[in-house]
Each structure stands twice: as structure tokens, then as C-alpha cells.
């Protein structure tokens, strides 16, 4: 019994320019960030429902919970385009994903350049944020914990000096201030005591009334702004590594999406060619 001749393996119907490796690599890449975006939205909604952030709003002008939700929603939509576009080989969705990701990358690059060029204005903005945080120190527990952590981490007190705490209504040094913390500073300003079993939260009592020499024996007298700037200057490589870590996934997403778009276009051209020459005797 004669065997039927097999169709050529490289026929136009079987060959595809679209690489499964590129296609599913882009899909799982977007799936990972799609899940992360949903977590961000969930955390932001939970934080907004469980806690009022009036103090954070006063300091940052933007509610961190709402900012987290907005960023999460935008990331969700962007990665959704990438997921569906790669899975369905949809050029429109892939181009949308690539263009939006490119725009985000360029905005981050521009923000970094502007922050470097206008470092003085950036420093002024940081000073404003720290001073507002000092004013609202007792209004929000999370803000209070954040300031205490920063002052202990950088061994500092206040914005420019420890006397900045007079901006807070509870620590204000005015004679008509009825607060028991009048002219004091938070305990996080105090110098660490070796082998201290219990934290003395009253160690900063009345410290603003002393001059720098006397106060420096008990508390940190230097402000946090200069300490923060010095920390940034001494950790530029670390910050550069973080920026690079954020940029690499974006560049990988842009590259994979453009490769897949070009492969899909080549596949469409191949299909059109096959349709036009299907009736040819040599096809």
C-alpha cells in the first residue's frame, strides 16, 4: 500500500513569526505586575477606610492611601493591556501598553533630572514637608512613629535644629502654653543610653530652654534636613541602583512588546501573502 506524501514542514500555514517565548514571557511579566497592582489597590482602600489621614494630608498635600489606589489602578489598566495584548496578539493593546510604559519611563527620567538640576528647590520642599510634619506630630500616630524613626535613624532633631519643635503647639515655648510638654522635644531626639531597659519618654523635657552646648549633652541638636541631604549624597550609588531596578522592568516591557508587535506584523504579512498566492500552481 502506497504511503501518501507528507505536506512540506515549512508551509506558510504551519510557520509562524510569533515566538511563543516572547509572547508568554511578556504575558507572565505583565501578570506579575497585574497582581502587584491589585494588592496596591487593596492596601490603599483598606488604609483609607480604616484610618482618617488629615495629618498626612496637611503634610503631604496628597493622601498616601488615595495615591496608592490611583497608582494601583493605572498599573492595573496598563498591565491588563499588556496581558490581553500578548495573549490575543492584539497590536492595538500592545502599542498602547508600550507607549504608556515609555511615557512613564520618560516622566520618571525627567523628574530625576529636574530634581538634580533644581536641588535647592527640592531641598526647600523637603524642609516644608518636615516642618509641616513637626506641626502635626501629635495629630497622627503613624506620622508620629515615622518622625521618631527618622530622628533616631539619622541622629537628628527637628528640621534645622531642635528648636524647630517650638512650631508644635504642644512643644511651643511660649509662656501661655499650658501643655506639660512646653519647651520640650520628643524622646526620639534624646541621645541613646547604654544598657537602657526602659525608654525614658520624658528625657527631652524642657530641652528647648537650653543652649546648644547644654542641650547637646542630652539630645541631638542638629536638624534632620542636613542629615538627610548628607545621607543622600553618601548613598548615591544605592539610590542609583534603586532607580535602575525600577527602570529595567519598564525597559524590558517596552522591548518585549515591540518585538512581539513586529512579529505579529510579519505574521499578518505572511498570511496576506498566502491568501493572495493560494491559487498559484507552485504554492
C-alpha atoms as a PDB file:
ATOM      1  CA  UNK A   1       0.000   0.000   0.000  1.00  0.00           C
ATOM      2  CA  UNK A   2       1.495   3.278  -1.138  1.00  0.00           C
ATOM      3  CA  UNK A   3       2.005   5.958   1.534  1.00  0.00           C
ATOM      4  CA  UNK A   4       0.598   9.444   0.971  1.00  0.00           C
ATOM      5  CA  UNK A   5       3.258  12.117   0.568  1.00  0.00           C
ATOM      6  CA  UNK A   6       3.545  14.385   3.629  1.00  0.00           C
ATOM      7  CA  UNK A   7       2.972  18.103   3.288  1.00  0.00           C
ATOM      8  CA  UNK A   8       6.130  20.191   3.450  1.00  0.00           C
ATOM      9  CA  UNK A   9       7.009  21.114   7.034  1.00  0.00           C
ATOM     10  CA  UNK A  10       7.803  24.703   6.214  1.00  0.00           C
ATOM     11  CA  UNK A  11       4.477  25.557   4.575  1.00  0.00           C
ATOM     12  CA  UNK A  12       3.029  29.002   5.181  1.00  0.00           C
ATOM     13  CA  UNK A  13       0.106  27.518   7.148  1.00  0.00           C
ATOM     14  CA  UNK A  14       2.396  25.974   9.775  1.00  0.00           C
ATOM     15  CA  UNK A  15       5.191  28.514  10.064  1.00  0.00           C
ATOM     16  CA  UNK A  16       4.695  31.476  12.438  1.00  0.00           C
ATOM     17  CA  UNK A  17       6.843  34.527  13.015  1.00  0.00           C
ATOM     18  CA  UNK A  18       5.356  34.927  16.522  1.00  0.00           C
ATOM     19  CA  UNK A  19       7.716  33.429  19.081  1.00  0.00           C
ATOM     20  CA  UNK A  20       5.889  31.627  21.929  1.00  0.00           C
ATOM     21  CA  UNK A  21       8.813  32.502  24.216  1.00  0.00           C
ATOM     22  CA  UNK A  22       8.396  36.260  23.660  1.00  0.00           C
ATOM     23  CA  UNK A  23       4.612  36.032  23.797  1.00  0.00           C
ATOM     24  CA  UNK A  24       4.314  34.169  27.104  1.00  0.00           C
ATOM     25  CA  UNK A  25       7.299  35.884  28.681  1.00  0.00           C
ATOM     26  CA  UNK A  26       5.537  39.226  28.131  1.00  0.00           C
ATOM     27  CA  UNK A  27       2.271  37.729  29.407  1.00  0.00           C
ATOM     28  CA  UNK A  28       3.724  36.445  32.692  1.00  0.00           C
ATOM     29  CA  UNK A  29       5.754  39.650  33.085  1.00  0.00           C
ATOM     30  CA  UNK A  30       2.527  41.664  32.968  1.00  0.00           C
ATOM     31  CA  UNK A  31       0.654  39.133  35.079  1.00  0.00           C
ATOM     32  CA  UNK A  32       3.158  39.621  37.911  1.00  0.00           C
ATOM     33  CA  UNK A  33       2.712  43.410  37.964  1.00  0.00           C
ATOM     34  CA  UNK A  34      -1.039  42.996  37.447  1.00  0.00           C
ATOM     35  CA  UNK A  35      -1.210  41.064  40.735  1.00  0.00           C
ATOM     36  CA  UNK A  36       1.011  43.664  42.434  1.00  0.00           C
ATOM     37  CA  UNK A  37      -1.337  46.428  41.243  1.00  0.00           C
ATOM     38  CA  UNK A  38      -4.347  44.671  42.765  1.00  0.00           C
ATOM     39  CA  UNK A  39      -2.500  44.357  46.079  1.00  0.00           C
ATOM     40  CA  UNK A  40      -1.677  48.085  45.965  1.00  0.00           C
ATOM     41  CA  UNK A  41      -5.342  48.974  45.356  1.00  0.00           C
ATOM     42  CA  UNK A  42      -6.476  46.673  48.172  1.00  0.00           C
ATOM     43  CA  UNK A  43      -3.958  48.144  50.635  1.00  0.00           C
ATOM     44  CA  UNK A  44      -4.866  51.699  49.630  1.00  0.00           C
ATOM     45  CA  UNK A  45      -8.610  51.106  50.005  1.00  0.00           C
ATOM     46  CA  UNK A  46      -8.095  49.377  53.362  1.00  0.00           C
ATOM     47  CA  UNK A  47      -5.913  52.214  54.642  1.00  0.00           C
ATOM     48  CA  UNK A  48      -8.439  54.821  53.518  1.00  0.00           C
ATOM     49  CA  UNK A  49     -11.410  53.035  55.090  1.00  0.00           C
ATOM     50  CA  UNK A  50      -9.702  52.174  58.369  1.00  0.00           C
ATOM     51  CA  UNK A  51      -7.991  55.466  59.053  1.00  0.00           C
ATOM     52  CA  UNK A  52      -8.520  59.184  58.512  1.00  0.00           C
ATOM     53  CA  UNK A  53      -5.345  60.840  57.230  1.00  0.00           C
ATOM     54  CA  UNK A  54      -5.934  64.517  57.945  1.00  0.00           C
ATOM     55  CA  UNK A  55      -2.398  64.953  59.323  1.00  0.00           C
ATOM     56  CA  UNK A  56      -0.846  63.192  56.355  1.00  0.00           C
ATOM     57  CA  UNK A  57      -2.911  65.384  54.020  1.00  0.00           C
ATOM     58  CA  UNK A  58      -1.698  68.508  55.802  1.00  0.00           C
ATOM     59  CA  UNK A  59       1.941  67.428  55.475  1.00  0.00           C
ATOM     60  CA  UNK A  60       1.998  65.871  52.015  1.00  0.00           C
ATOM     61  CA  UNK A  61      -0.919  67.622  50.245  1.00  0.00           C
ATOM     62  CA  UNK A  62      -1.824  64.156  48.874  1.00  0.00           C
ATOM     63  CA  UNK A  63      -3.416  61.345  50.845  1.00  0.00           C
ATOM     64  CA  UNK A  64      -0.946  58.411  50.610  1.00  0.00           C
ATOM     65  CA  UNK A  65      -3.835  55.918  50.556  1.00  0.00           C
ATOM     66  CA  UNK A  66      -5.521  57.670  47.601  1.00  0.00           C
ATOM     67  CA  UNK A  67      -2.146  57.967  45.845  1.00  0.00           C
ATOM     68  CA  UNK A  68      -1.630  54.224  46.301  1.00  0.00           C
ATOM     69  CA  UNK A  69      -5.077  53.491  44.868  1.00  0.00           C
ATOM     70  CA  UNK A  70      -4.554  55.781  41.860  1.00  0.00           C
ATOM     71  CA  UNK A  71      -1.131  54.303  41.061  1.00  0.00           C
ATOM     72  CA  UNK A  72      -2.519  50.787  41.524  1.00  0.00           C
ATOM     73  CA  UNK A  73      -5.473  51.425  39.182  1.00  0.00           C
ATOM     74  CA  UNK A  74      -3.224  52.918  36.490  1.00  0.00           C
ATOM     75  CA  UNK A  75      -0.823  49.979  36.804  1.00  0.00           C
ATOM     76  CA  UNK A  76      -3.784  47.582  36.664  1.00  0.00           C
ATOM     77  CA  UNK A  77      -5.052  49.080  33.397  1.00  0.00           C
ATOM     78  CA  UNK A  78      -1.575  49.225  31.889  1.00  0.00           C
ATOM     79  CA  UNK A  79      -0.672  45.614  32.725  1.00  0.00           C
ATOM     80  CA  UNK A  80      -4.158  44.493  31.638  1.00  0.00           C
ATOM     81  CA  UNK A  81      -3.404  45.864  28.160  1.00  0.00           C
ATOM     82  CA  UNK A  82      -0.086  44.017  28.211  1.00  0.00           C
ATOM     83  CA  UNK A  83      -1.626  40.725  29.378  1.00  0.00           C
ATOM     84  CA  UNK A  84      -4.525  40.646  26.935  1.00  0.00           C
ATOM     85  CA  UNK A  85      -2.491  42.149  24.109  1.00  0.00           C
ATOM     86  CA  UNK A  86       0.210  39.487  24.349  1.00  0.00           C
ATOM     87  CA  UNK A  87      -2.218  36.615  24.865  1.00  0.00           C
ATOM     88  CA  UNK A  88      -4.523  37.635  21.992  1.00  0.00           C
ATOM     89  CA  UNK A  89      -1.710  39.041  19.832  1.00  0.00           C
ATOM     90  CA  UNK A  90      -3.532  42.362  19.640  1.00  0.00           C
ATOM     91  CA  UNK A  91      -1.364  45.076  18.110  1.00  0.00           C
ATOM     92  CA  UNK A  92      -3.542  47.938  19.381  1.00  0.00           C
ATOM     93  CA  UNK A  93      -3.330  46.848  23.036  1.00  0.00           C
ATOM     94  CA  UNK A  94       0.382  46.117  22.768  1.00  0.00           C
ATOM     95  CA  UNK A  95       1.081  49.526  21.232  1.00  0.00           C
ATOM     96  CA  UNK A  96      -0.979  51.185  23.975  1.00  0.00           C
ATOM     97  CA  UNK A  97       0.993  49.271  26.615  1.00  0.00           C
ATOM     98  CA  UNK A  98       4.330  50.178  25.011  1.00  0.00           C
ATOM     99  CA  UNK A  99       3.519  53.880  24.569  1.00  0.00           C
ATOM    100  CA  UNK A 100       2.181  54.274  28.126  1.00  0.00           C
ATOM    101  CA  UNK A 101       5.187  52.470  29.597  1.00  0.00           C
ATOM    102  CA  UNK A 102       7.519  54.675  27.556  1.00  0.00           C
ATOM    103  CA  UNK A 103       5.706  57.783  28.817  1.00  0.00           C
ATOM    104  CA  UNK A 104       6.032  56.608  32.430  1.00  0.00           C
ATOM    105  CA  UNK A 105       9.748  55.925  31.948  1.00  0.00           C
ATOM    106  CA  UNK A 106      10.346  59.357  30.387  1.00  0.00           C
ATOM    107  CA  UNK A 107       8.398  61.089  33.178  1.00  0.00           C
ATOM    108  CA  UNK A 108      10.486  59.332  35.826  1.00  0.00           C
ATOM    109  CA  UNK A 109      13.675  60.265  33.966  1.00  0.00           C
ATOM    110  CA  UNK A 110      12.551  63.902  33.681  1.00  0.00           C
ATOM    111  CA  UNK A 111      11.645  64.012  37.389  1.00  0.00           C
ATOM    112  CA  UNK A 112      15.089  62.695  38.321  1.00  0.00           C
ATOM    113  CA  UNK A 113      16.854  65.236  36.106  1.00  0.00           C
ATOM    114  CA  UNK A 114      14.728  68.134  37.396  1.00  0.00           C
ATOM    115  CA  UNK A 115      15.308  67.037  40.992  1.00  0.00           C
ATOM    116  CA  UNK A 116      19.054  67.052  40.358  1.00  0.00           C
ATOM    117  CA  UNK A 117      19.091  70.378  38.484  1.00  0.00           C
ATOM    118  CA  UNK A 118      16.777  72.154  40.923  1.00  0.00           C
ATOM    119  CA  UNK A 119      18.184  70.539  44.058  1.00  0.00           C
ATOM    120  CA  UNK A 120      17.805  73.790  46.038  1.00  0.00           C
ATOM    121  CA  UNK A 121      14.066  73.913  45.354  1.00  0.00           C
ATOM    122  CA  UNK A 122      13.816  70.213  46.181  1.00  0.00           C
ATOM    123  CA  UNK A 123      15.579  70.902  49.468  1.00  0.00           C
ATOM    124  CA  UNK A 124      13.108  73.717  50.186  1.00  0.00           C
ATOM    125  CA  UNK A 125      10.193  71.367  49.515  1.00  0.00           C
ATOM    126  CA  UNK A 126      11.672  68.761  51.861  1.00  0.00           C
ATOM    127  CA  UNK A 127      12.071  71.454  54.524  1.00  0.00           C
ATOM    128  CA  UNK A 128       8.438  72.438  54.107  1.00  0.00           C
ATOM    129  CA  UNK A 129       7.283  68.830  54.448  1.00  0.00           C
ATOM    130  CA  UNK A 130       9.380  68.268  57.587  1.00  0.00           C
ATOM    131  CA  UNK A 131       8.162  71.494  59.206  1.00  0.00           C
ATOM    132  CA  UNK A 132       4.538  70.575  58.483  1.00  0.00           C
ATOM    133  CA  UNK A 133       5.166  67.123  59.936  1.00  0.00           C
ATOM    134  CA  UNK A 134       6.522  68.749  63.117  1.00  0.00           C
ATOM    135  CA  UNK A 135       3.389  70.894  63.414  1.00  0.00           C
ATOM    136  CA  UNK A 136       1.118  67.822  63.129  1.00  0.00           C
ATOM    137  CA  UNK A 137       3.309  65.469  65.178  1.00  0.00           C
ATOM    138  CA  UNK A 138       0.652  64.706  67.804  1.00  0.00           C
ATOM    139  CA  UNK A 139      -2.254  64.607  65.329  1.00  0.00           C
ATOM    140  CA  UNK A 140      -1.483  61.244  63.751  1.00  0.00           C
ATOM    141  CA  UNK A 141       0.094  58.184  65.387  1.00  0.00           C
ATOM    142  CA  UNK A 142       1.628  56.839  62.160  1.00  0.00           C
ATOM    143  CA  UNK A 143       3.135  60.234  61.377  1.00  0.00           C
ATOM    144  CA  UNK A 144       4.478  60.419  64.929  1.00  0.00           C
ATOM    145  CA  UNK A 145       6.092  56.971  64.609  1.00  0.00           C
ATOM    146  CA  UNK A 146       7.594  57.943  61.245  1.00  0.00           C
ATOM    147  CA  UNK A 147       9.169  61.119  62.666  1.00  0.00           C
ATOM    148  CA  UNK A 148      10.505  59.253  65.702  1.00  0.00           C
ATOM    149  CA  UNK A 149      12.023  56.601  63.435  1.00  0.00           C
ATOM    150  CA  UNK A 150      13.646  59.260  61.229  1.00  0.00           C
ATOM    151  CA  UNK A 151      15.118  61.188  64.141  1.00  0.00           C
ATOM    152  CA  UNK A 152      16.576  58.044  65.705  1.00  0.00           C
ATOM    153  CA  UNK A 153      17.812  56.718  62.357  1.00  0.00           C
ATOM    154  CA  UNK A 154      19.621  59.924  61.357  1.00  0.00           C
ATOM    155  CA  UNK A 155      20.533  61.011  64.918  1.00  0.00           C
ATOM    156  CA  UNK A 156      18.853  64.394  64.479  1.00  0.00           C
ATOM    157  CA  UNK A 157      16.152  66.579  65.990  1.00  0.00           C
ATOM    158  CA  UNK A 158      13.775  68.915  64.186  1.00  0.00           C
ATOM    159  CA  UNK A 159      14.226  70.355  60.712  1.00  0.00           C
ATOM    160  CA  UNK A 160      17.171  72.732  61.034  1.00  0.00           C
ATOM    161  CA  UNK A 161      17.701  72.391  64.784  1.00  0.00           C
ATOM    162  CA  UNK A 162      15.991  71.060  67.900  1.00  0.00           C
ATOM    163  CA  UNK A 163      14.344  74.458  68.450  1.00  0.00           C
ATOM    164  CA  UNK A 164      12.095  73.816  65.433  1.00  0.00           C
ATOM    165  CA  UNK A 165       9.896  71.791  67.771  1.00  0.00           C
ATOM    166  CA  UNK A 166       8.594  75.087  69.103  1.00  0.00           C
ATOM    167  CA  UNK A 167       6.404  75.137  65.967  1.00  0.00           C
ATOM    168  CA  UNK A 168       4.326  72.366  67.505  1.00  0.00           C
ATOM    169  CA  UNK A 169       1.531  73.626  69.772  1.00  0.00           C
ATOM    170  CA  UNK A 170       2.380  71.067  72.465  1.00  0.00           C
ATOM    171  CA  UNK A 171       6.131  71.787  72.492  1.00  0.00           C
ATOM    172  CA  UNK A 172       5.850  75.543  71.990  1.00  0.00           C
ATOM    173  CA  UNK A 173       7.961  77.598  74.422  1.00  0.00           C
ATOM    174  CA  UNK A 174       5.531  80.497  74.828  1.00  0.00           C
ATOM    175  CA  UNK A 175       4.612  81.393  78.429  1.00  0.00           C
ATOM    176  CA  UNK A 176       0.887  80.945  77.803  1.00  0.00           C
ATOM    177  CA  UNK A 177       1.285  77.360  76.600  1.00  0.00           C
ATOM    178  CA  UNK A 178      -0.492  75.145  79.193  1.00  0.00           C
ATOM    179  CA  UNK A 179       0.952  71.896  77.818  1.00  0.00           C
ATOM    180  CA  UNK A 180       3.084  69.757  80.134  1.00  0.00           C
ATOM    181  CA  UNK A 181       5.442  69.281  77.167  1.00  0.00           C
ATOM    182  CA  UNK A 182       6.105  73.027  76.868  1.00  0.00           C
ATOM    183  CA  UNK A 183       9.615  73.762  75.584  1.00  0.00           C
ATOM    184  CA  UNK A 184      10.356  70.033  75.280  1.00  0.00           C
ATOM    185  CA  UNK A 185      11.317  67.770  72.374  1.00  0.00           C
ATOM    186  CA  UNK A 186      10.200  64.195  71.574  1.00  0.00           C
ATOM    187  CA  UNK A 187      12.044  61.330  73.234  1.00  0.00           C
ATOM    188  CA  UNK A 188      13.436  60.299  69.827  1.00  0.00           C
ATOM    189  CA  UNK A 189      15.724  63.363  69.997  1.00  0.00           C
ATOM    190  CA  UNK A 190      17.488  62.018  73.091  1.00  0.00           C
ATOM    191  CA  UNK A 191      20.969  60.537  72.989  1.00  0.00           C
ATOM    192  CA  UNK A 192      20.908  56.762  73.446  1.00  0.00           C
ATOM    193  CA  UNK A 193      21.698  55.488  76.921  1.00  0.00           C
ATOM    194  CA  UNK A 194      23.749  52.262  77.114  1.00  0.00           C
ATOM    195  CA  UNK A 195      22.012  49.271  78.683  1.00  0.00           C
ATOM    196  CA  UNK A 196      18.726  51.157  78.989  1.00  0.00           C
ATOM    197  CA  UNK A 197      15.960  48.626  79.676  1.00  0.00           C
ATOM    198  CA  UNK A 198      13.028  51.074  79.642  1.00  0.00           C
ATOM    199  CA  UNK A 199      12.751  54.050  77.291  1.00  0.00           C
ATOM    200  CA  UNK A 200      12.554  57.364  79.113  1.00  0.00           C
ATOM    201  CA  UNK A 201       9.904  59.249  77.138  1.00  0.00           C
ATOM    202  CA  UNK A 202      10.434  62.378  79.266  1.00  0.00           C
ATOM    203  CA  UNK A 203      14.148  62.719  78.526  1.00  0.00           C
ATOM    204  CA  UNK A 204      13.540  65.736  76.274  1.00  0.00           C
ATOM    205  CA  UNK A 205      11.663  67.717  78.933  1.00  0.00           C
ATOM    206  CA  UNK A 206      12.480  71.443  78.749  1.00  0.00           C
ATOM    207  CA  UNK A 207      15.411  70.967  76.336  1.00  0.00           C
ATOM    208  CA  UNK A 208      14.480  73.926  74.122  1.00  0.00           C
ATOM    209  CA  UNK A 209      15.197  76.270  77.030  1.00  0.00           C
ATOM    210  CA  UNK A 210      18.880  75.224  76.990  1.00  0.00           C
ATOM    211  CA  UNK A 211      21.513  76.476  74.583  1.00  0.00           C
ATOM    212  CA  UNK A 212      23.203  74.181  72.052  1.00  0.00           C
ATOM    213  CA  UNK A 213      26.122  73.249  74.305  1.00  0.00           C
ATOM    214  CA  UNK A 214      23.959  72.261  77.274  1.00  0.00           C
ATOM    215  CA  UNK A 215      21.277  70.591  75.167  1.00  0.00           C
ATOM    216  CA  UNK A 216      23.853  68.552  73.201  1.00  0.00           C
ATOM    217  CA  UNK A 217      24.685  66.665  76.397  1.00  0.00           C
ATOM    218  CA  UNK A 218      21.195  65.134  76.432  1.00  0.00           C
ATOM    219  CA  UNK A 219      19.700  65.363  72.924  1.00  0.00           C
ATOM    220  CA  UNK A 220      20.674  65.627  69.271  1.00  0.00           C
ATOM    221  CA  UNK A 221      20.837  69.312  68.377  1.00  0.00           C
ATOM    222  CA  UNK A 222      21.448  69.090  64.609  1.00  0.00           C
ATOM    223  CA  UNK A 223      18.443  69.172  62.293  1.00  0.00           C
ATOM    224  CA  UNK A 224      17.291  66.310  60.091  1.00  0.00           C
ATOM    225  CA  UNK A 225      17.364  68.207  56.778  1.00  0.00           C
ATOM    226  CA  UNK A 226      21.165  68.414  56.609  1.00  0.00           C
ATOM    227  CA  UNK A 227      21.486  64.833  57.854  1.00  0.00           C
ATOM    228  CA  UNK A 228      19.070  63.637  55.159  1.00  0.00           C
ATOM    229  CA  UNK A 229      20.923  65.547  52.416  1.00  0.00           C
ATOM    230  CA  UNK A 230      24.253  64.128  53.606  1.00  0.00           C
ATOM    231  CA  UNK A 231      22.775  60.622  53.649  1.00  0.00           C
ATOM    232  CA  UNK A 232      21.562  61.039  50.054  1.00  0.00           C
ATOM    233  CA  UNK A 233      24.987  62.280  48.915  1.00  0.00           C
ATOM    234  CA  UNK A 234      26.734  59.353  50.615  1.00  0.00           C
ATOM    235  CA  UNK A 235      24.286  56.779  49.180  1.00  0.00           C
ATOM    236  CA  UNK A 236      24.065  57.934  45.569  1.00  0.00           C
ATOM    237  CA  UNK A 237      25.123  54.511  44.297  1.00  0.00           C
ATOM    238  CA  UNK A 238      22.381  52.848  46.345  1.00  0.00           C
ATOM    239  CA  UNK A 239      19.762  55.295  45.087  1.00  0.00           C
ATOM    240  CA  UNK A 240      21.069  54.849  41.546  1.00  0.00           C
ATOM    241  CA  UNK A 241      20.701  51.094  41.948  1.00  0.00           C
ATOM    242  CA  UNK A 242      17.095  51.509  43.114  1.00  0.00           C
ATOM    243  CA  UNK A 243      16.356  53.791  40.136  1.00  0.00           C
ATOM    244  CA  UNK A 244      17.956  51.258  37.794  1.00  0.00           C
ATOM    245  CA  UNK A 245      15.927  48.478  39.395  1.00  0.00           C
ATOM    246  CA  UNK A 246      12.754  50.443  38.614  1.00  0.00           C
ATOM    247  CA  UNK A 247      13.871  51.261  35.074  1.00  0.00           C
ATOM    248  CA  UNK A 248      14.940  47.778  33.962  1.00  0.00           C
ATOM    249  CA  UNK A 249      11.443  46.144  34.175  1.00  0.00           C
ATOM    250  CA  UNK A 250       9.994  49.075  32.228  1.00  0.00           C
ATOM    251  CA  UNK A 251      12.642  48.806  29.503  1.00  0.00           C
ATOM    252  CA  UNK A 252      12.169  45.024  29.344  1.00  0.00           C
ATOM    253  CA  UNK A 253       8.404  45.502  28.943  1.00  0.00           C
ATOM    254  CA  UNK A 254       8.886  48.073  26.177  1.00  0.00           C
ATOM    255  CA  UNK A 255      11.418  45.854  24.360  1.00  0.00           C
ATOM    256  CA  UNK A 256       9.314  42.668  24.566  1.00  0.00           C
ATOM    257  CA  UNK A 257       6.141  44.442  23.452  1.00  0.00           C
ATOM    258  CA  UNK A 258       7.872  45.991  20.420  1.00  0.00           C
ATOM    259  CA  UNK A 259       9.437  42.651  19.442  1.00  0.00           C
ATOM    260  CA  UNK A 260       6.036  40.963  19.685  1.00  0.00           C
ATOM    261  CA  UNK A 261       4.337  43.736  17.674  1.00  0.00           C
ATOM    262  CA  UNK A 262       6.895  43.372  14.872  1.00  0.00           C
ATOM    263  CA  UNK A 263       6.478  39.589  14.885  1.00  0.00           C
ATOM    264  CA  UNK A 264       2.683  39.903  14.673  1.00  0.00           C
ATOM    265  CA  UNK A 265       3.001  42.345  11.753  1.00  0.00           C
ATOM    266  CA  UNK A 266       5.302  39.921   9.935  1.00  0.00           C
ATOM    267  CA  UNK A 267       2.820  37.116  10.588  1.00  0.00           C
ATOM    268  CA  UNK A 268      -0.029  39.217   9.166  1.00  0.00           C
ATOM    269  CA  UNK A 269       2.037  39.908   6.034  1.00  0.00           C
ATOM    270  CA  UNK A 270       2.708  36.178   5.686  1.00  0.00           C
ATOM    271  CA  UNK A 271      -0.998  35.369   5.957  1.00  0.00           C
ATOM    272  CA  UNK A 272      -1.901  38.004   3.367  1.00  0.00           C
ATOM    273  CA  UNK A 273       0.768  36.630   1.037  1.00  0.00           C
ATOM    274  CA  UNK A 274      -0.594  33.095   1.452  1.00  0.00           C
ATOM    275  CA  UNK A 275      -4.140  34.257   0.700  1.00  0.00           C
ATOM    276  CA  UNK A 276      -3.051  36.126  -2.430  1.00  0.00           C
ATOM    277  CA  UNK A 277      -0.991  33.246  -3.813  1.00  0.00           C
ATOM    278  CA  UNK A 278      -3.116  30.308  -2.665  1.00  0.00           C
ATOM    279  CA  UNK A 279      -4.287  29.646  -6.245  1.00  0.00           C
ATOM    280  CA  UNK A 280      -0.791  29.738  -7.725  1.00  0.00           C
ATOM    281  CA  UNK A 281       0.302  26.352  -9.147  1.00  0.00           C
ATOM    282  CA  UNK A 282       3.622  26.489  -7.274  1.00  0.00           C
ATOM    283  CA  UNK A 283       2.003  27.321  -3.863  1.00  0.00           C
END
